[in-house]
Amino acid sequence: MAKELAREVGYIYVDSGAMYRAVSLFCIENGWMTETDINAVELEKHISSIRIEFKTNAEGKSETFLNGKNIENEIRTLEVANGASRVSTLGFVRRELVRQQQLMGIEKGIVMDGRDIGTVVFPTAELKIFLTASPEIRAQRRLDEMAAKGEKADFEEVLANVKERDERDQNRTESPLRKADDAIVIDNSNLNREEQREILRTLFDKRTLE
């Protein structure tokens, strides 16, 4: 939804969730993350060496790069997704990524999605959308995404992961997930892509032309 709007209006798209996934992958590749623990000492030592960028490919899609390497496919696994939610609870990680995100927004003209964008990263953004859907719908969508890439997963496992991430993100001390007071809620549980695209574009046009 955010990607399509950015493409339509000529803005830069920034996937903040992919940034936390990149940090998660960085930890996994360096052996700093297990199923039960994160070596926060080592991660904090190296957090300033993490450089995350977004580049548009030949098909016009945004891809994530970590220190110059395309990691778009590597960060879309369940293991990395779960790790992303875990590293996002670390204050020094959030502060560094928020710093990088705010630098991306200096020139404006960006569409950014993530769980604390409207409350922490850009509290004065011109338009804030709080997009939601039921956990079951989100799990099925994630399952379909994985199936399209030839990845196998169990629905109940994916659903449990969605609920676990929500619980962790809503109750973390650092930048918890919550709706900004001036955000507009869109529940797309029962909307198709065209319906949600039309709603978002109408809100964008109204806000930017005011």
N, C-alpha and C. Protein backbone atom coordinates (compact mmCIF):
# COMPACT_ATOMS: atom_id res chain seq x y z
N MET A 1 0.83 -1.20 0.00
CA MET A 1 0.00 0.00 0.00
C MET A 1 0.87 1.25 0.00
N ALA A 2 1.85 1.29 0.88
CA ALA A 2 2.76 2.43 0.95
C ALA A 2 3.64 2.50 -0.29
N LYS A 3 4.10 1.35 -0.75
CA LYS A 3 4.95 1.30 -1.94
C LYS A 3 4.20 1.84 -3.15
N GLU A 4 2.94 1.42 -3.30
CA GLU A 4 2.17 1.83 -4.47
C GLU A 4 1.90 3.33 -4.45
N LEU A 5 1.60 3.88 -3.27
CA LEU A 5 1.36 5.32 -3.17
C LEU A 5 2.63 6.08 -3.54
N ALA A 6 3.76 5.65 -3.01
CA ALA A 6 5.02 6.33 -3.31
C ALA A 6 5.30 6.31 -4.81
N ARG A 7 5.03 5.16 -5.43
CA ARG A 7 5.28 5.04 -6.87
C ARG A 7 4.34 5.95 -7.66
N GLU A 8 3.07 6.03 -7.24
CA GLU A 8 2.08 6.84 -7.93
C GLU A 8 2.41 8.33 -7.88
N VAL A 9 2.86 8.80 -6.72
CA VAL A 9 3.05 10.25 -6.53
C VAL A 9 4.50 10.68 -6.69
N GLY A 10 5.40 9.72 -6.99
CA GLY A 10 6.79 10.07 -7.21
C GLY A 10 7.58 10.35 -5.95
N TYR A 11 7.15 9.77 -4.82
CA TYR A 11 7.87 9.91 -3.56
C TYR A 11 8.83 8.72 -3.38
N ILE A 12 9.75 8.87 -2.44
CA ILE A 12 10.64 7.76 -2.08
C ILE A 12 9.94 6.90 -1.04
N TYR A 13 10.01 5.58 -1.21
CA TYR A 13 9.41 4.66 -0.25
C TYR A 13 10.47 4.13 0.71
N VAL A 14 10.19 4.21 2.00
CA VAL A 14 11.10 3.69 3.03
C VAL A 14 10.34 2.68 3.89
N ASP A 15 10.80 1.45 3.88
CA ASP A 15 10.20 0.36 4.66
C ASP A 15 10.96 0.24 5.98
N SER A 16 10.44 0.86 7.04
CA SER A 16 11.17 0.86 8.30
C SER A 16 11.25 -0.55 8.89
N GLY A 17 10.24 -1.37 8.65
CA GLY A 17 10.28 -2.74 9.15
C GLY A 17 11.43 -3.52 8.54
N ALA A 18 11.71 -3.24 7.27
CA ALA A 18 12.84 -3.90 6.60
C ALA A 18 14.16 -3.51 7.25
N MET A 19 14.22 -2.30 7.82
CA MET A 19 15.45 -1.85 8.48
C MET A 19 15.71 -2.69 9.72
N TYR A 20 14.67 -2.99 10.49
CA TYR A 20 14.84 -3.84 11.67
C TYR A 20 15.14 -5.28 11.27
N ARG A 21 14.56 -5.71 10.16
CA ARG A 21 14.88 -7.03 9.64
C ARG A 21 16.35 -7.09 9.23
N ALA A 22 16.86 -5.99 8.68
CA ALA A 22 18.27 -5.95 8.27
C ALA A 22 19.18 -6.10 9.49
N VAL A 23 18.82 -5.44 10.58
CA VAL A 23 19.60 -5.57 11.81
C VAL A 23 19.51 -7.01 12.33
N SER A 24 18.33 -7.59 12.26
CA SER A 24 18.14 -8.98 12.67
C SER A 24 19.04 -9.90 11.85
N LEU A 25 19.04 -9.72 10.54
CA LEU A 25 19.90 -10.53 9.67
C LEU A 25 21.37 -10.33 10.00
N PHE A 26 21.77 -9.10 10.27
CA PHE A 26 23.14 -8.77 10.64
C PHE A 26 23.54 -9.56 11.89
N CYS A 27 22.63 -9.63 12.87
CA CYS A 27 22.90 -10.40 14.10
C CYS A 27 23.03 -11.88 13.81
N ILE A 28 22.10 -12.41 13.02
CA ILE A 28 22.12 -13.84 12.70
C ILE A 28 23.40 -14.22 11.97
N GLU A 29 23.78 -13.41 11.00
CA GLU A 29 24.98 -13.70 10.20
C GLU A 29 26.26 -13.65 11.04
N ASN A 30 26.23 -12.83 12.10
CA ASN A 30 27.41 -12.71 12.96
C ASN A 30 27.35 -13.63 14.18
N GLY A 31 26.30 -14.45 14.27
CA GLY A 31 26.18 -15.40 15.38
C GLY A 31 25.83 -14.75 16.70
N TRP A 32 25.16 -13.60 16.66
CA TRP A 32 24.83 -12.88 17.89
C TRP A 32 23.40 -13.11 18.35
N MET A 33 22.65 -13.96 17.64
CA MET A 33 21.27 -14.20 18.01
C MET A 33 20.96 -15.69 18.01
N THR A 34 20.35 -16.14 19.11
CA THR A 34 19.85 -17.50 19.20
C THR A 34 18.34 -17.42 19.39
N GLU A 35 17.70 -18.55 19.56
CA GLU A 35 16.25 -18.55 19.75
C GLU A 35 15.85 -17.87 21.06
N THR A 36 16.77 -17.80 21.99
CA THR A 36 16.42 -17.26 23.31
C THR A 36 17.22 -16.04 23.72
N ASP A 37 18.25 -15.68 22.98
CA ASP A 37 19.13 -14.61 23.46
C ASP A 37 19.70 -13.79 22.30
N ILE A 38 20.03 -12.53 22.61
CA ILE A 38 20.72 -11.64 21.68
C ILE A 38 21.97 -11.13 22.37
N ASN A 39 23.10 -11.16 21.68
CA ASN A 39 24.34 -10.61 22.23
C ASN A 39 24.31 -9.10 22.01
N ALA A 40 23.61 -8.40 22.91
CA ALA A 40 23.41 -6.96 22.76
C ALA A 40 24.71 -6.18 22.89
N VAL A 41 25.67 -6.72 23.64
CA VAL A 41 26.96 -6.04 23.80
C VAL A 41 27.67 -5.93 22.47
N GLU A 42 27.75 -7.05 21.73
CA GLU A 42 28.41 -7.03 20.43
C GLU A 42 27.64 -6.20 19.42
N LEU A 43 26.32 -6.32 19.45
CA LEU A 43 25.50 -5.56 18.51
C LEU A 43 25.68 -4.06 18.73
N GLU A 44 25.70 -3.65 19.98
CA GLU A 44 25.86 -2.21 20.26
C GLU A 44 27.23 -1.71 19.81
N LYS A 45 28.24 -2.56 19.93
CA LYS A 45 29.59 -2.17 19.48
C LYS A 45 29.61 -1.88 17.98
N HIS A 46 28.78 -2.62 17.24
CA HIS A 46 28.84 -2.55 15.78
C HIS A 46 27.65 -1.82 15.15
N ILE A 47 26.73 -1.30 15.96
CA ILE A 47 25.51 -0.70 15.41
C ILE A 47 25.80 0.47 14.48
N SER A 48 26.86 1.21 14.76
CA SER A 48 27.18 2.38 13.92
C SER A 48 27.75 1.98 12.56
N SER A 49 28.11 0.70 12.40
CA SER A 49 28.66 0.24 11.12
C SER A 49 27.57 -0.27 10.19
N ILE A 50 26.32 -0.26 10.66
CA ILE A 50 25.20 -0.75 9.85
C ILE A 50 24.66 0.39 8.99
N ARG A 51 24.71 0.22 7.69
CA ARG A 51 24.20 1.24 6.76
C ARG A 51 23.11 0.59 5.91
N ILE A 52 21.90 1.13 6.02
CA ILE A 52 20.75 0.58 5.32
C ILE A 52 20.25 1.57 4.28
N GLU A 53 20.04 1.06 3.07
CA GLU A 53 19.56 1.90 1.97
C GLU A 53 18.42 1.22 1.24
N PHE A 54 17.64 2.02 0.52
CA PHE A 54 16.58 1.48 -0.32
C PHE A 54 16.82 1.96 -1.75
N LYS A 55 16.83 1.00 -2.67
CA LYS A 55 17.06 1.34 -4.08
C LYS A 55 15.93 0.73 -4.92
N THR A 56 15.58 1.44 -5.98
CA THR A 56 14.52 0.98 -6.88
C THR A 56 15.12 0.12 -7.98
N ASN A 57 14.54 -1.09 -8.17
CA ASN A 57 15.07 -1.99 -9.20
C ASN A 57 14.47 -1.68 -10.57
N ALA A 58 14.81 -2.49 -11.56
CA ALA A 58 14.37 -2.25 -12.94
C ALA A 58 12.85 -2.32 -13.09
N GLU A 59 12.19 -3.06 -12.20
CA GLU A 59 10.71 -3.15 -12.26
C GLU A 59 10.03 -2.05 -11.46
N GLY A 60 10.82 -1.15 -10.91
CA GLY A 60 10.24 -0.05 -10.14
C GLY A 60 9.93 -0.40 -8.70
N LYS A 61 10.44 -1.52 -8.21
CA LYS A 61 10.19 -1.95 -6.84
C LYS A 61 11.37 -1.58 -5.94
N SER A 62 11.06 -1.20 -4.71
CA SER A 62 12.09 -0.83 -3.76
C SER A 62 12.71 -2.09 -3.15
N GLU A 63 14.04 -2.11 -3.05
CA GLU A 63 14.75 -3.24 -2.45
C GLU A 63 15.67 -2.75 -1.34
N THR A 64 15.90 -3.61 -0.36
CA THR A 64 16.67 -3.25 0.83
C THR A 64 18.13 -3.67 0.66
N PHE A 65 19.03 -2.75 1.02
CA PHE A 65 20.46 -3.03 0.95
C PHE A 65 21.10 -2.82 2.32
N LEU A 66 21.93 -3.77 2.72
CA LEU A 66 22.67 -3.69 3.98
C LEU A 66 24.15 -3.60 3.65
N ASN A 67 24.73 -2.46 4.00
CA ASN A 67 26.16 -2.22 3.71
C ASN A 67 26.50 -2.55 2.26
N GLY A 68 25.63 -2.11 1.36
CA GLY A 68 25.87 -2.25 -0.07
C GLY A 68 25.40 -3.55 -0.70
N LYS A 69 24.92 -4.51 0.12
CA LYS A 69 24.47 -5.80 -0.40
C LYS A 69 22.94 -5.88 -0.43
N ASN A 70 22.40 -6.37 -1.54
CA ASN A 70 20.95 -6.55 -1.67
C ASN A 70 20.52 -7.73 -0.79
N ILE A 71 19.67 -7.44 0.21
CA ILE A 71 19.24 -8.48 1.14
C ILE A 71 17.72 -8.66 1.12
N GLU A 72 17.07 -8.16 0.07
CA GLU A 72 15.60 -8.17 0.01
C GLU A 72 15.02 -9.56 0.24
N ASN A 73 15.58 -10.59 -0.35
CA ASN A 73 15.04 -11.94 -0.18
C ASN A 73 15.39 -12.53 1.19
N GLU A 74 16.60 -12.28 1.65
CA GLU A 74 17.05 -12.86 2.93
C GLU A 74 16.24 -12.38 4.12
N ILE A 75 15.70 -11.15 4.06
CA ILE A 75 15.01 -10.59 5.24
C ILE A 75 13.54 -10.95 5.30
N ARG A 76 13.05 -11.75 4.36
CA ARG A 76 11.62 -12.05 4.32
C ARG A 76 11.28 -13.42 4.92
N THR A 77 12.19 -13.99 5.70
CA THR A 77 11.92 -15.29 6.33
C THR A 77 11.31 -15.09 7.72
N LEU A 78 10.67 -16.13 8.24
CA LEU A 78 10.08 -16.06 9.59
C LEU A 78 11.15 -15.84 10.66
N GLU A 79 12.29 -16.50 10.49
CA GLU A 79 13.38 -16.35 11.47
C GLU A 79 13.83 -14.91 11.58
N VAL A 80 14.02 -14.26 10.44
CA VAL A 80 14.47 -12.86 10.45
C VAL A 80 13.36 -11.95 10.97
N ALA A 81 12.10 -12.23 10.59
CA ALA A 81 10.97 -11.41 11.04
C ALA A 81 10.85 -11.45 12.56
N ASN A 82 10.97 -12.64 13.14
CA ASN A 82 10.88 -12.77 14.59
C ASN A 82 12.05 -12.06 15.26
N GLY A 83 13.24 -12.19 14.68
CA GLY A 83 14.41 -11.50 15.22
C GLY A 83 14.27 -10.00 15.15
N ALA A 84 13.61 -9.50 14.10
CA ALA A 84 13.43 -8.06 13.94
C ALA A 84 12.61 -7.48 15.09
N SER A 85 11.56 -8.20 15.47
CA SER A 85 10.74 -7.74 16.58
C SER A 85 11.53 -7.75 17.88
N ARG A 86 12.45 -8.68 18.00
CA ARG A 86 13.27 -8.77 19.23
C ARG A 86 14.32 -7.66 19.29
N VAL A 87 15.02 -7.41 18.18
CA VAL A 87 16.04 -6.35 18.22
C VAL A 87 15.40 -4.97 18.35
N SER A 88 14.12 -4.86 17.91
CA SER A 88 13.45 -3.57 17.98
C SER A 88 13.15 -3.13 19.40
N THR A 89 13.28 -4.06 20.37
CA THR A 89 13.06 -3.68 21.77
C THR A 89 14.31 -3.05 22.39
N LEU A 90 15.43 -3.11 21.67
CA LEU A 90 16.69 -2.56 22.19
C LEU A 90 16.76 -1.06 21.89
N GLY A 91 16.89 -0.27 22.93
CA GLY A 91 16.87 1.18 22.78
C GLY A 91 17.92 1.72 21.82
N PHE A 92 19.13 1.19 21.89
CA PHE A 92 20.20 1.73 21.04
C PHE A 92 19.96 1.40 19.57
N VAL A 93 19.28 0.27 19.29
CA VAL A 93 18.94 -0.07 17.91
C VAL A 93 17.89 0.90 17.39
N ARG A 94 16.85 1.13 18.18
CA ARG A 94 15.78 2.04 17.74
C ARG A 94 16.33 3.45 17.54
N ARG A 95 17.17 3.90 18.44
CA ARG A 95 17.70 5.27 18.30
C ARG A 95 18.52 5.42 17.03
N GLU A 96 19.33 4.41 16.70
CA GLU A 96 20.14 4.48 15.49
C GLU A 96 19.27 4.44 14.24
N LEU A 97 18.28 3.56 14.21
CA LEU A 97 17.45 3.46 13.01
C LEU A 97 16.53 4.67 12.86
N VAL A 98 16.04 5.19 13.97
CA VAL A 98 15.25 6.43 13.90
C VAL A 98 16.11 7.56 13.35
N ARG A 99 17.37 7.61 13.78
CA ARG A 99 18.29 8.64 13.26
C ARG A 99 18.43 8.51 11.75
N GLN A 100 18.63 7.28 11.27
CA GLN A 100 18.77 7.05 9.83
C GLN A 100 17.47 7.38 9.08
N GLN A 101 16.33 7.03 9.68
CA GLN A 101 15.04 7.31 9.05
C GLN A 101 14.79 8.81 8.95
N GLN A 102 15.10 9.54 10.01
CA GLN A 102 14.88 10.98 9.99
C GLN A 102 15.78 11.68 8.98
N LEU A 103 16.99 11.15 8.79
CA LEU A 103 17.88 11.69 7.77
C LEU A 103 17.27 11.50 6.37
N MET A 104 16.63 10.34 6.18
CA MET A 104 15.98 10.07 4.89
C MET A 104 14.84 11.06 4.61
N GLY A 105 14.24 11.57 5.68
CA GLY A 105 13.08 12.44 5.52
C GLY A 105 13.40 13.91 5.49
N ILE A 106 14.67 14.28 5.56
CA ILE A 106 15.04 15.70 5.59
C ILE A 106 14.50 16.46 4.38
N GLU A 107 14.60 15.84 3.21
CA GLU A 107 14.17 16.51 1.98
C GLU A 107 12.66 16.36 1.73
N LYS A 108 11.98 15.65 2.62
CA LYS A 108 10.55 15.35 2.47
C LYS A 108 10.31 14.51 1.21
N GLY A 109 9.04 14.44 0.78
CA GLY A 109 8.73 13.62 -0.38
C GLY A 109 8.96 12.15 -0.15
N ILE A 110 8.61 11.64 1.04
CA ILE A 110 8.77 10.21 1.31
C ILE A 110 7.47 9.62 1.87
N VAL A 111 7.30 8.34 1.60
CA VAL A 111 6.25 7.54 2.22
C VAL A 111 6.96 6.49 3.05
N MET A 112 6.68 6.46 4.34
CA MET A 112 7.36 5.50 5.22
C MET A 112 6.32 4.70 6.00
N ASP A 113 6.52 3.39 6.08
CA ASP A 113 5.64 2.60 6.92
C ASP A 113 6.44 1.93 8.03
N GLY A 114 5.76 1.69 9.15
CA GLY A 114 6.40 1.11 10.31
C GLY A 114 5.53 1.33 11.53
N ARG A 115 5.91 0.72 12.63
CA ARG A 115 5.04 0.70 13.80
C ARG A 115 5.20 1.91 14.74
N ASP A 116 6.16 2.78 14.49
CA ASP A 116 6.29 3.97 15.34
C ASP A 116 6.53 5.23 14.52
N ILE A 117 6.20 5.20 13.24
CA ILE A 117 6.54 6.32 12.36
C ILE A 117 5.75 7.57 12.74
N GLY A 118 4.44 7.44 12.93
CA GLY A 118 3.62 8.61 13.23
C GLY A 118 3.75 9.12 14.64
N THR A 119 4.29 8.29 15.54
CA THR A 119 4.39 8.70 16.94
C THR A 119 5.80 9.14 17.34
N VAL A 120 6.83 8.54 16.74
CA VAL A 120 8.21 8.81 17.16
C VAL A 120 9.07 9.40 16.04
N VAL A 121 9.06 8.76 14.88
CA VAL A 121 9.98 9.17 13.82
C VAL A 121 9.56 10.48 13.18
N PHE A 122 8.30 10.57 12.76
CA PHE A 122 7.78 11.79 12.14
C PHE A 122 6.46 12.20 12.79
N PRO A 123 6.52 12.72 14.02
CA PRO A 123 5.28 13.09 14.72
C PRO A 123 4.54 14.26 14.06
N THR A 124 5.19 15.00 13.16
CA THR A 124 4.53 16.12 12.49
C THR A 124 4.26 15.82 11.01
N ALA A 125 4.23 14.54 10.63
CA ALA A 125 3.96 14.16 9.24
C ALA A 125 2.62 14.73 8.77
N GLU A 126 2.56 15.09 7.49
CA GLU A 126 1.33 15.68 6.94
C GLU A 126 0.16 14.71 6.95
N LEU A 127 0.45 13.42 6.74
CA LEU A 127 -0.62 12.42 6.72
C LEU A 127 -0.16 11.18 7.45
N LYS A 128 -0.98 10.74 8.41
CA LYS A 128 -0.66 9.53 9.17
C LYS A 128 -1.82 8.54 9.01
N ILE A 129 -1.48 7.33 8.62
CA ILE A 129 -2.47 6.27 8.47
C ILE A 129 -2.14 5.16 9.45
N PHE A 130 -3.14 4.74 10.23
CA PHE A 130 -2.97 3.58 11.10
C PHE A 130 -3.70 2.42 10.43
N LEU A 131 -2.93 1.59 9.75
CA LEU A 131 -3.49 0.48 8.97
C LEU A 131 -3.57 -0.77 9.83
N THR A 132 -4.73 -1.41 9.82
CA THR A 132 -4.90 -2.59 10.65
C THR A 132 -5.71 -3.66 9.92
N ALA A 133 -5.62 -4.87 10.41
CA ALA A 133 -6.40 -6.01 9.92
C ALA A 133 -6.34 -7.08 10.99
N SER A 134 -7.23 -8.04 10.93
CA SER A 134 -7.25 -9.09 11.95
C SER A 134 -5.97 -9.93 11.85
N PRO A 135 -5.51 -10.49 12.97
CA PRO A 135 -4.31 -11.34 12.94
C PRO A 135 -4.44 -12.51 11.96
N GLU A 136 -5.65 -13.08 11.87
CA GLU A 136 -5.85 -14.22 10.96
C GLU A 136 -5.69 -13.81 9.50
N ILE A 137 -6.23 -12.66 9.15
CA ILE A 137 -6.10 -12.15 7.78
C ILE A 137 -4.64 -11.86 7.46
N ARG A 138 -3.95 -11.23 8.40
CA ARG A 138 -2.53 -10.89 8.18
C ARG A 138 -1.68 -12.15 8.05
N ALA A 139 -1.99 -13.17 8.86
CA ALA A 139 -1.23 -14.42 8.79
C ALA A 139 -1.44 -15.10 7.44
N GLN A 140 -2.68 -15.10 6.95
CA GLN A 140 -2.96 -15.72 5.66
C GLN A 140 -2.26 -14.98 4.53
N ARG A 141 -2.23 -13.66 4.61
CA ARG A 141 -1.53 -12.88 3.59
C ARG A 141 -0.03 -13.20 3.60
N ARG A 142 0.52 -13.31 4.79
CA ARG A 142 1.94 -13.63 4.91
C ARG A 142 2.21 -15.03 4.35
N LEU A 143 1.32 -15.97 4.63
CA LEU A 143 1.45 -17.33 4.13
C LEU A 143 1.42 -17.34 2.60
N ASP A 144 0.52 -16.55 2.03
CA ASP A 144 0.40 -16.46 0.58
C ASP A 144 1.67 -15.88 -0.04
N GLU A 145 2.24 -14.86 0.63
CA GLU A 145 3.49 -14.26 0.15
C GLU A 145 4.60 -15.30 0.11
N MET A 146 4.69 -16.08 1.19
CA MET A 146 5.75 -17.09 1.27
C MET A 146 5.54 -18.18 0.23
N ALA A 147 4.28 -18.57 0.03
CA ALA A 147 3.99 -19.61 -0.95
C ALA A 147 4.37 -19.16 -2.36
N ALA A 148 4.14 -17.87 -2.64
CA ALA A 148 4.47 -17.32 -3.96
C ALA A 148 5.97 -17.38 -4.21
N LYS A 149 6.75 -17.40 -3.13
CA LYS A 149 8.21 -17.47 -3.26
C LYS A 149 8.72 -18.91 -3.14
N GLY A 150 7.78 -19.86 -3.06
CA GLY A 150 8.16 -21.25 -2.96
C GLY A 150 8.55 -21.69 -1.56
N GLU A 151 8.22 -20.87 -0.55
CA GLU A 151 8.55 -21.20 0.84
C GLU A 151 7.36 -21.90 1.50
N LYS A 152 7.64 -22.91 2.30
CA LYS A 152 6.58 -23.63 2.99
C LYS A 152 6.49 -23.16 4.45
N ALA A 153 5.26 -23.02 4.93
CA ALA A 153 5.06 -22.61 6.32
C ALA A 153 3.69 -23.10 6.78
N ASP A 154 3.55 -23.23 8.08
CA ASP A 154 2.30 -23.67 8.68
C ASP A 154 1.48 -22.45 9.12
N PHE A 155 0.17 -22.44 8.81
CA PHE A 155 -0.67 -21.29 9.14
C PHE A 155 -0.62 -20.97 10.63
N GLU A 156 -0.75 -21.97 11.46
CA GLU A 156 -0.78 -21.73 12.91
C GLU A 156 0.55 -21.15 13.40
N GLU A 157 1.64 -21.59 12.79
CA GLU A 157 2.95 -21.06 13.16
C GLU A 157 3.07 -19.58 12.77
N VAL A 158 2.61 -19.26 11.57
CA VAL A 158 2.65 -17.87 11.11
C VAL A 158 1.73 -17.00 11.96
N LEU A 159 0.54 -17.50 12.27
CA LEU A 159 -0.41 -16.76 13.10
C LEU A 159 0.17 -16.50 14.48
N ALA A 160 0.79 -17.50 15.08
CA ALA A 160 1.41 -17.33 16.39
C ALA A 160 2.51 -16.28 16.34
N ASN A 161 3.26 -16.26 15.23
CA ASN A 161 4.33 -15.27 15.07
C ASN A 161 3.76 -13.86 14.98
N VAL A 162 2.65 -13.70 14.24
CA VAL A 162 2.00 -12.39 14.11
C VAL A 162 1.53 -11.89 15.48
N LYS A 163 0.88 -12.76 16.24
CA LYS A 163 0.36 -12.37 17.56
C LYS A 163 1.49 -12.07 18.54
N GLU A 164 2.54 -12.87 18.47
CA GLU A 164 3.68 -12.66 19.37
C GLU A 164 4.35 -11.31 19.09
N ARG A 165 4.51 -10.99 17.79
CA ARG A 165 5.13 -9.71 17.43
C ARG A 165 4.27 -8.55 17.88
N ASP A 166 2.95 -8.66 17.71
CA ASP A 166 2.04 -7.58 18.15
C ASP A 166 2.17 -7.36 19.66
N GLU A 167 2.14 -8.46 20.40
CA GLU A 167 2.24 -8.37 21.86
C GLU A 167 3.55 -7.72 22.28
N ARG A 168 4.64 -8.14 21.66
CA ARG A 168 5.95 -7.60 22.00
C ARG A 168 6.05 -6.12 21.64
N ASP A 169 5.55 -5.77 20.45
CA ASP A 169 5.66 -4.39 19.99
C ASP A 169 4.77 -3.43 20.79
N GLN A 170 3.60 -3.91 21.22
CA GLN A 170 2.69 -3.06 21.97
C GLN A 170 3.15 -2.83 23.41
N ASN A 171 3.95 -3.74 23.93
CA ASN A 171 4.32 -3.67 25.33
C ASN A 171 5.80 -3.38 25.58
N ARG A 172 6.56 -3.09 24.51
CA ARG A 172 7.96 -2.77 24.71
C ARG A 172 8.09 -1.40 25.35
N THR A 173 9.19 -1.18 26.06
CA THR A 173 9.43 0.10 26.74
C THR A 173 9.79 1.19 25.73
N GLU A 174 10.59 0.84 24.75
CA GLU A 174 11.08 1.82 23.77
C GLU A 174 10.12 1.92 22.58
N SER A 175 9.51 3.10 22.40
CA SER A 175 8.64 3.37 21.25
C SER A 175 7.60 2.28 21.01
N PRO A 176 6.70 2.03 21.95
CA PRO A 176 5.71 0.96 21.75
C PRO A 176 4.76 1.29 20.60
N LEU A 177 4.20 0.24 20.02
CA LEU A 177 3.23 0.40 18.94
C LEU A 177 1.93 0.99 19.49
N ARG A 178 1.54 2.13 18.94
CA ARG A 178 0.25 2.73 19.29
C ARG A 178 -0.19 3.67 18.18
N LYS A 179 -1.47 3.96 18.14
CA LYS A 179 -2.00 4.86 17.13
C LYS A 179 -1.74 6.31 17.54
N ALA A 180 -1.19 7.10 16.62
CA ALA A 180 -1.03 8.53 16.90
C ALA A 180 -2.42 9.16 17.01
N ASP A 181 -2.54 10.17 17.85
CA ASP A 181 -3.84 10.80 18.08
C ASP A 181 -4.46 11.33 16.79
N ASP A 182 -3.62 11.81 15.87
CA ASP A 182 -4.14 12.40 14.63
C ASP A 182 -4.06 11.45 13.44
N ALA A 183 -3.87 10.16 13.70
CA ALA A 183 -3.81 9.18 12.60
C ALA A 183 -5.22 8.76 12.18
N ILE A 184 -5.38 8.46 10.91
CA ILE A 184 -6.64 7.99 10.35
C ILE A 184 -6.58 6.46 10.27
N VAL A 185 -7.57 5.79 10.86
CA VAL A 185 -7.58 4.33 10.90
C VAL A 185 -8.20 3.76 9.62
N ILE A 186 -7.49 2.82 9.01
CA ILE A 186 -8.03 2.05 7.89
C ILE A 186 -7.91 0.58 8.24
N ASP A 187 -9.05 -0.11 8.34
CA ASP A 187 -9.06 -1.56 8.54
C ASP A 187 -9.26 -2.19 7.18
N ASN A 188 -8.23 -2.86 6.67
CA ASN A 188 -8.33 -3.43 5.32
C ASN A 188 -8.57 -4.93 5.33
N SER A 189 -9.13 -5.43 6.44
CA SER A 189 -9.41 -6.87 6.52
C SER A 189 -10.27 -7.33 5.36
N ASN A 190 -11.25 -6.51 4.97
CA ASN A 190 -12.19 -6.90 3.93
C ASN A 190 -12.14 -5.98 2.71
N LEU A 191 -11.01 -5.29 2.53
CA LEU A 191 -10.84 -4.44 1.35
C LEU A 191 -9.94 -5.14 0.34
N ASN A 192 -10.24 -4.94 -0.94
CA ASN A 192 -9.30 -5.43 -1.94
C ASN A 192 -8.26 -4.33 -2.21
N ARG A 193 -7.26 -4.65 -3.02
CA ARG A 193 -6.16 -3.71 -3.24
C ARG A 193 -6.65 -2.41 -3.88
N GLU A 194 -7.60 -2.52 -4.82
CA GLU A 194 -8.09 -1.33 -5.50
C GLU A 194 -8.85 -0.42 -4.54
N GLU A 195 -9.64 -1.02 -3.65
CA GLU A 195 -10.42 -0.23 -2.69
C GLU A 195 -9.51 0.51 -1.72
N GLN A 196 -8.49 -0.18 -1.20
CA GLN A 196 -7.61 0.50 -0.25
C GLN A 196 -6.74 1.54 -0.96
N ARG A 197 -6.37 1.27 -2.21
CA ARG A 197 -5.59 2.24 -2.99
C ARG A 197 -6.38 3.53 -3.19
N GLU A 198 -7.66 3.38 -3.49
CA GLU A 198 -8.51 4.55 -3.72
C GLU A 198 -8.70 5.36 -2.44
N ILE A 199 -8.91 4.67 -1.33
CA ILE A 199 -9.07 5.37 -0.04
C ILE A 199 -7.80 6.15 0.30
N LEU A 200 -6.65 5.51 0.16
CA LEU A 200 -5.39 6.16 0.52
C LEU A 200 -5.09 7.34 -0.40
N ARG A 201 -5.30 7.16 -1.70
CA ARG A 201 -5.00 8.25 -2.64
C ARG A 201 -5.92 9.45 -2.40
N THR A 202 -7.18 9.18 -2.07
CA THR A 202 -8.10 10.27 -1.76
C THR A 202 -7.63 11.05 -0.54
N LEU A 203 -7.21 10.34 0.50
CA LEU A 203 -6.71 11.00 1.71
C LEU A 203 -5.44 11.78 1.41
N PHE A 204 -4.55 11.22 0.61
CA PHE A 204 -3.30 11.89 0.25
C PHE A 204 -3.59 13.17 -0.52
N ASP A 205 -4.43 13.09 -1.53
CA ASP A 205 -4.75 14.27 -2.34
C ASP A 205 -5.40 15.37 -1.50
N LYS A 206 -6.31 14.97 -0.63
CA LYS A 206 -6.99 15.95 0.22
C LYS A 206 -6.00 16.65 1.14
N ARG A 207 -5.10 15.87 1.77
CA ARG A 207 -4.17 16.44 2.74
C ARG A 207 -3.11 17.31 2.07
N THR A 208 -2.61 16.89 0.92
CA THR A 208 -1.53 17.65 0.26
C THR A 208 -2.05 18.86 -0.50
N LEU A 209 -3.34 18.87 -0.81
CA LEU A 209 -3.90 20.01 -1.53
C LEU A 209 -4.57 21.02 -0.61
N GLU A 210 -4.64 20.70 0.69
CA GLU A 210 -5.28 21.63 1.65
C GLU A 210 -4.47 22.92 1.77
